[in-house]
Protein backbone atom coordinates (compact mmCIF):
# COMPACT_ATOMS: atom_id res chain seq x y z
CA UNK A 1 52.15 60.94 62.58
CA UNK A 2 53.20 57.47 61.41
CA UNK A 3 52.30 54.32 63.26
CA UNK A 4 55.19 52.69 65.14
CA UNK A 5 56.71 49.70 63.37
CA UNK A 6 55.91 46.33 64.89
CA UNK A 7 58.10 44.23 62.58
CA UNK A 8 61.11 44.51 60.27
CA UNK A 9 61.89 42.63 57.07
CA UNK A 10 65.41 42.09 55.72
CA UNK A 11 65.32 45.30 53.67
CA UNK A 12 64.61 47.42 56.73
CA UNK A 13 67.15 45.47 58.80
CA UNK A 14 69.86 46.30 56.27
CA UNK A 15 68.91 49.99 56.44
CA UNK A 16 69.44 49.87 60.21
CA UNK A 17 72.44 47.59 60.68
CA UNK A 18 75.88 47.85 59.10
CA UNK A 19 76.27 44.04 59.13
CA UNK A 20 76.27 42.07 55.88
CA UNK A 21 76.87 38.47 54.86
CA UNK A 22 78.33 36.46 56.46
CA UNK A 23 77.75 38.37 59.68
CA UNK A 24 74.15 39.54 59.33
CA UNK A 25 72.52 37.13 61.77
CA UNK A 26 68.87 38.16 61.90
CA UNK A 27 66.53 37.47 58.95
CA UNK A 28 63.47 39.29 60.24
CA UNK A 29 61.99 40.73 63.40
CA UNK A 30 58.40 39.62 63.81
CA UNK A 31 57.46 41.52 66.97
CA UNK A 32 58.66 44.94 68.04
CA UNK A 33 57.17 46.54 71.14
CA UNK A 34 58.81 49.99 70.99
CA UNK A 35 62.16 49.96 72.77
CA UNK A 36 60.85 47.47 75.33
CA UNK A 37 61.01 44.07 73.60
CA UNK A 38 61.31 42.27 70.28
CA UNK A 39 61.37 38.82 68.72
CA UNK A 40 63.86 38.15 65.92
CA UNK A 41 64.19 35.15 63.63
CA UNK A 42 67.33 33.54 62.21
CA UNK A 43 66.90 30.61 59.83
CA UNK A 44 70.03 28.53 60.34
CA UNK A 45 71.31 26.99 57.10
CA UNK A 46 74.17 24.65 56.26
CA UNK A 47 75.66 27.09 53.75
CA UNK A 48 76.84 29.47 56.50
CA UNK A 49 80.64 29.67 56.49
CA UNK A 50 81.18 28.87 60.18
CA UNK A 51 79.83 25.34 59.63
CA UNK A 52 82.86 24.45 57.48
CA UNK A 53 85.01 24.38 60.60
CA UNK A 54 82.54 24.28 63.52
CA UNK A 55 82.57 21.28 63.30
CA UNK A 56 83.19 19.13 60.19
CA UNK A 57 80.64 16.32 60.23
CA UNK A 58 78.90 17.82 63.29
CA UNK A 59 77.76 21.35 62.40
CA UNK A 60 76.91 23.45 65.47
CA UNK A 61 76.24 27.19 65.42
CA UNK A 62 78.94 28.91 67.50
CA UNK A 63 77.62 30.32 70.76
CA UNK A 64 79.11 33.74 70.08
CA UNK A 65 77.06 34.02 66.89
CA UNK A 66 73.90 33.19 68.83
CA UNK A 67 74.66 36.03 71.26
CA UNK A 68 75.45 38.33 68.31
CA UNK A 69 72.08 37.43 66.72
CA UNK A 70 70.35 38.51 69.95
CA UNK A 71 72.32 41.77 69.95
CA UNK A 72 71.44 42.46 66.31
CA UNK A 73 67.77 41.91 67.18
CA UNK A 74 68.03 44.56 69.91
CA UNK A 75 69.68 46.96 67.45
CA UNK A 76 66.76 46.51 65.05
CA UNK A 77 64.30 47.03 67.91
CA UNK A 78 65.95 50.27 69.02
CA UNK A 79 66.62 51.46 65.48
CA UNK A 80 63.04 51.03 64.27
CA UNK A 81 61.61 52.55 67.44
CA UNK A 82 63.83 55.65 67.16
CA UNK A 83 63.50 55.99 63.36
CA UNK A 84 67.22 55.45 62.74
CA UNK A 85 66.98 53.98 59.25
CA UNK A 86 69.83 55.11 56.98
CA UNK A 87 71.54 56.94 59.87
CA UNK A 88 74.69 54.75 60.03
CA UNK A 89 73.99 53.60 63.57
CA UNK A 90 76.86 51.69 65.17
CA UNK A 91 76.41 49.59 68.30
CA UNK A 92 79.26 48.01 70.23
CA UNK A 93 79.29 45.37 72.95
CA UNK A 94 80.49 46.64 76.31
CA UNK A 95 79.71 43.58 78.41
CA UNK A 96 78.15 40.13 78.20
CA UNK A 97 77.01 38.70 81.54
CA UNK A 98 75.18 35.61 82.79
CA UNK A 99 75.72 33.89 79.45
CA UNK A 100 74.65 30.26 79.32
CA UNK A 101 74.29 27.81 76.47
CA UNK A 102 71.59 25.18 76.95
CA UNK A 103 71.08 23.45 73.60
CA UNK A 104 72.97 23.01 70.36
CA UNK A 105 71.75 24.98 67.34
CA UNK A 106 72.14 23.15 64.03
CA UNK A 107 71.41 23.72 60.35
CA UNK A 108 67.67 23.51 59.76
CA UNK A 109 66.82 25.10 63.12
CA UNK A 110 64.86 28.32 63.34
CA UNK A 111 66.45 30.43 66.05
CA UNK A 112 64.03 32.77 67.82
CA UNK A 113 65.67 35.62 69.70
CA UNK A 114 63.54 37.16 72.45
CA UNK A 115 65.10 40.36 73.75
CA UNK A 116 64.03 43.00 76.22
CA UNK A 117 65.31 46.33 77.45
CA UNK A 118 66.66 46.39 80.99
CA UNK A 119 68.02 49.95 80.98
CA UNK A 120 68.41 52.67 78.37
CA UNK A 121 66.63 55.65 76.90
CA UNK A 122 66.49 57.63 73.69
CA UNK A 123 69.52 59.90 73.52
CA UNK A 124 71.46 57.71 75.94
CA UNK A 125 74.71 56.04 74.90
CA UNK A 126 74.73 52.96 77.18
CA UNK A 127 71.87 50.44 77.03
CA UNK A 128 71.42 47.10 78.80
CA UNK A 129 69.38 44.17 77.48
CA UNK A 130 68.35 40.63 78.41
CA UNK A 131 68.01 37.98 75.73
CA UNK A 132 66.98 34.39 75.23
CA UNK A 133 67.46 32.33 72.08
CA UNK A 134 64.98 29.50 71.54
CA UNK A 135 64.65 26.59 69.11
CA UNK A 136 61.31 24.79 68.96
CA UNK A 137 60.35 26.23 72.34
CA UNK A 138 63.58 25.05 73.99
CA UNK A 139 66.06 27.48 75.50
CA UNK A 140 69.28 27.41 73.45
CA UNK A 141 71.12 30.37 75.01
CA UNK A 142 70.59 33.29 77.33
CA UNK A 143 72.59 36.37 78.25
CA UNK A 144 72.49 39.87 79.63
CA UNK A 145 74.44 42.33 77.52
CA UNK A 146 75.38 45.98 77.58
CA UNK A 147 75.96 48.00 74.43
CA UNK A 148 77.06 51.49 73.49
CA UNK A 149 75.15 53.34 70.77
CA UNK A 150 77.45 55.43 68.61
CA UNK A 151 75.32 57.77 66.57
CA UNK A 152 76.51 60.30 64.00
CA UNK A 153 75.78 63.84 65.20
CA UNK A 154 73.31 64.45 62.36
CA UNK A 155 71.19 61.38 63.23
CA UNK A 156 69.21 62.94 66.06
């Protein structure tokens, strides 16, 4: 029996998620506590394409990409915990609730996504999560989100 994974590097993340540049928004996951919680890291850099237009001379990471980074962190958490590497897992937003933006995220920031399971179980299709994105210990964004796991039949 293998030990459960407690972290994920970019190689493992790419085996779990279908996202690629410019929409892969989590660089590593440094804490994974089964399907219960995880902490992901996104190093925000000026060379990301959204900064060309959001906003010229005042680059701010779009709020929707912050929420997407939290969602990708949850996908890595669930995927590693259920051994879904190389299984072509697809996850789709169903709802985003209680979303609030508290602080701007700029190039040079390290975005820390803290996510936790609210409801969901292995084999289930609909999962609910709570997430907070932090920069230097300050809350940047928070949201509750619901997602549907679409697994190929041979993945189980």
